[in-house]
Amino acid sequence: MEAKIIMEQNLAKIMDRNEFCSFATIEGNRPKQRYMRLYNQGLSIHLVTDRRTHKVEELKENPHVSLLLGYEKGGTEDAVEIEGTCSISDDDELREHFWKPEFEQMFSGPKDPNYVILKVKPVRIECSSSSGEKHEWVE
């Protein structure tokens, strides 16, 4: 059990150092990816989006998602693949917590009904270090 906690802490540190991720949903029966800013608190993963986007509709149809992060300039040399399920939240506390002034370009404020938080619940995480070492975390 202690090894799993240490691994979770290491994964959280890697996510902390990667500002962006590739976020994949399923559109029909095909994967669809886009880059998004990553917000995490430990292994709790959040993304900010507009309720009117296609990804919100895709998630209503199929909540299974995949994220890929790492190997980016300014990020880590580790690559992290995350499989999970995603829910759409308009919880006022979460929206206040993640609100940033730069969001004013798209939203009127943290109470804007189109401003939503995507909550990703990981079920499997695979981390590959720059030295080729691989680790797997499973819920």
Protein backbone atom coordinates (compact mmCIF):
# COMPACT_ATOMS: atom_id res chain seq x y z
CA MET A 1 0.00 0.00 0.00
CA GLU A 2 2.85 2.39 0.81
CA ALA A 3 4.36 1.86 -2.67
CA LYS A 4 1.05 2.95 -4.26
CA ILE A 5 0.98 6.13 -2.16
CA ILE A 6 4.56 6.97 -3.12
CA MET A 7 3.73 6.36 -6.78
CA GLU A 8 0.64 8.62 -6.52
CA GLN A 9 2.80 11.38 -5.01
CA ASN A 10 5.37 11.01 -7.80
CA LEU A 11 2.67 11.09 -10.48
CA ALA A 12 1.16 14.22 -8.90
CA LYS A 13 4.58 15.93 -8.97
CA ILE A 14 4.97 15.09 -12.66
CA MET A 15 1.49 16.48 -13.41
CA ASP A 16 2.32 19.61 -11.40
CA ARG A 17 5.22 20.30 -13.77
CA ASN A 18 3.21 19.85 -16.98
CA GLU A 19 0.97 22.76 -17.84
CA PHE A 20 -0.75 21.17 -20.84
CA CYS A 21 -2.04 17.79 -21.91
CA SER A 22 -3.51 16.18 -24.97
CA PHE A 23 -7.13 15.39 -24.09
CA ALA A 24 -8.91 12.71 -26.13
CA THR A 25 -12.62 11.99 -26.26
CA ILE A 26 -14.65 9.74 -28.53
CA GLU A 27 -16.68 11.34 -31.32
CA GLY A 28 -18.92 8.69 -32.82
CA ASN A 29 -16.53 5.76 -32.84
CA ARG A 30 -13.32 7.73 -33.45
CA PRO A 31 -10.89 9.37 -31.03
CA LYS A 32 -10.65 13.14 -31.08
CA GLN A 33 -7.75 15.01 -29.42
CA ARG A 34 -7.08 18.57 -28.46
CA TYR A 35 -4.56 20.38 -26.24
CA MET A 36 -5.89 21.70 -22.97
CA ARG A 37 -4.47 23.33 -19.86
CA LEU A 38 -4.14 20.80 -17.05
CA TYR A 39 -5.10 21.58 -13.45
CA ASN A 40 -4.47 18.95 -10.84
CA GLN A 41 -4.55 18.52 -7.10
CA GLY A 42 -2.80 15.24 -6.52
CA LEU A 43 -4.48 12.78 -8.88
CA SER A 44 -7.65 14.91 -9.07
CA ILE A 45 -7.54 16.24 -12.62
CA HIS A 46 -9.53 19.21 -13.88
CA LEU A 47 -9.82 20.96 -17.22
CA VAL A 48 -11.68 24.19 -18.02
CA THR A 49 -13.96 24.47 -21.02
CA ASP A 50 -17.03 26.08 -22.54
CA ARG A 51 -20.30 24.18 -22.19
CA ARG A 52 -21.04 24.89 -25.88
CA THR A 53 -18.03 22.96 -27.22
CA HIS A 54 -18.20 19.64 -29.03
CA LYS A 55 -16.20 17.93 -26.32
CA VAL A 56 -19.03 18.47 -23.82
CA GLU A 57 -21.46 16.76 -26.19
CA GLU A 58 -18.95 13.96 -26.81
CA LEU A 59 -18.57 13.42 -23.06
CA LYS A 60 -22.34 13.17 -22.60
CA GLU A 61 -22.34 10.37 -25.16
CA ASN A 62 -19.20 8.62 -23.88
CA PRO A 63 -17.41 9.69 -20.67
CA HIS A 64 -14.24 7.64 -21.35
CA VAL A 65 -11.20 9.84 -21.95
CA SER A 66 -7.46 9.65 -22.36
CA LEU A 67 -4.83 12.24 -21.50
CA LEU A 68 -1.20 12.36 -22.55
CA LEU A 69 1.31 14.70 -20.98
CA GLY A 70 5.04 15.18 -20.78
CA TYR A 71 7.90 15.61 -23.21
CA GLU A 72 6.93 19.27 -23.67
CA LYS A 73 9.18 22.29 -23.50
CA GLY A 74 9.02 23.49 -19.91
CA GLY A 75 7.44 20.22 -18.76
CA THR A 76 9.00 16.96 -17.71
CA GLU A 77 10.88 14.39 -19.74
CA ASP A 78 8.52 11.75 -18.36
CA ALA A 79 5.52 10.71 -20.46
CA VAL A 80 2.25 10.06 -18.64
CA GLU A 81 -0.76 8.34 -20.18
CA ILE A 82 -4.01 8.58 -18.23
CA GLU A 83 -7.20 6.63 -18.89
CA GLY A 84 -10.31 7.65 -17.01
CA THR A 85 -13.85 8.86 -17.01
CA CYS A 86 -14.86 12.49 -17.21
CA SER A 87 -17.81 14.37 -15.76
CA ILE A 88 -18.97 17.92 -16.43
CA SER A 89 -19.33 20.13 -13.38
CA ASP A 90 -20.82 23.57 -12.94
CA ASP A 91 -20.20 23.50 -9.17
CA ASP A 92 -19.79 27.12 -8.05
CA GLU A 93 -16.99 26.31 -5.60
CA LEU A 94 -14.92 24.56 -8.27
CA ARG A 95 -15.53 27.32 -10.80
CA GLU A 96 -14.40 29.97 -8.29
CA HIS A 97 -11.35 27.88 -7.39
CA PHE A 98 -10.13 27.52 -10.98
CA TRP A 99 -11.13 30.96 -12.25
CA LYS A 100 -8.30 32.93 -13.86
CA PRO A 101 -8.39 36.53 -15.21
CA GLU A 102 -7.45 35.27 -18.69
CA PHE A 103 -10.78 33.40 -18.83
CA GLU A 104 -12.49 36.80 -19.17
CA GLN A 105 -11.75 36.57 -22.91
CA MET A 106 -14.31 33.72 -23.15
CA PHE A 107 -16.56 34.03 -20.08
CA SER A 108 -18.26 36.89 -18.24
CA GLY A 109 -17.05 35.55 -14.89
CA PRO A 110 -16.94 32.44 -12.69
CA LYS A 111 -20.75 32.32 -12.60
CA ASP A 112 -21.09 32.34 -16.41
CA PRO A 113 -23.36 29.36 -17.20
CA ASN A 114 -21.11 28.33 -20.11
CA TYR A 115 -18.01 28.08 -17.90
CA VAL A 116 -17.69 24.46 -16.76
CA ILE A 117 -15.05 22.27 -15.19
CA LEU A 118 -14.26 18.82 -16.56
CA LYS A 119 -13.39 16.41 -13.75
CA VAL A 120 -11.29 13.43 -14.84
CA LYS A 121 -11.28 10.39 -12.58
CA PRO A 122 -8.23 8.29 -13.47
CA VAL A 123 -8.65 4.52 -13.62
CA ARG A 124 -5.21 3.73 -15.06
CA ILE A 125 -2.02 5.76 -15.32
CA GLU A 126 1.17 4.68 -17.05
CA CYS A 127 4.35 6.67 -16.60
CA SER A 128 7.44 6.21 -18.75
CA SER A 129 10.57 7.93 -17.49
CA SER A 130 13.21 9.40 -19.77
CA SER A 131 15.44 6.44 -18.80
CA GLY A 132 12.86 4.00 -20.21
CA GLU A 133 11.54 2.81 -16.85
CA LYS A 134 7.76 2.20 -16.81
CA HIS A 135 5.33 2.29 -13.89
CA GLU A 136 1.61 1.58 -13.87
CA TRP A 137 -0.98 2.84 -11.38
CA VAL A 138 -4.44 1.26 -11.38
CA GLU A 139 -7.36 2.45 -9.28
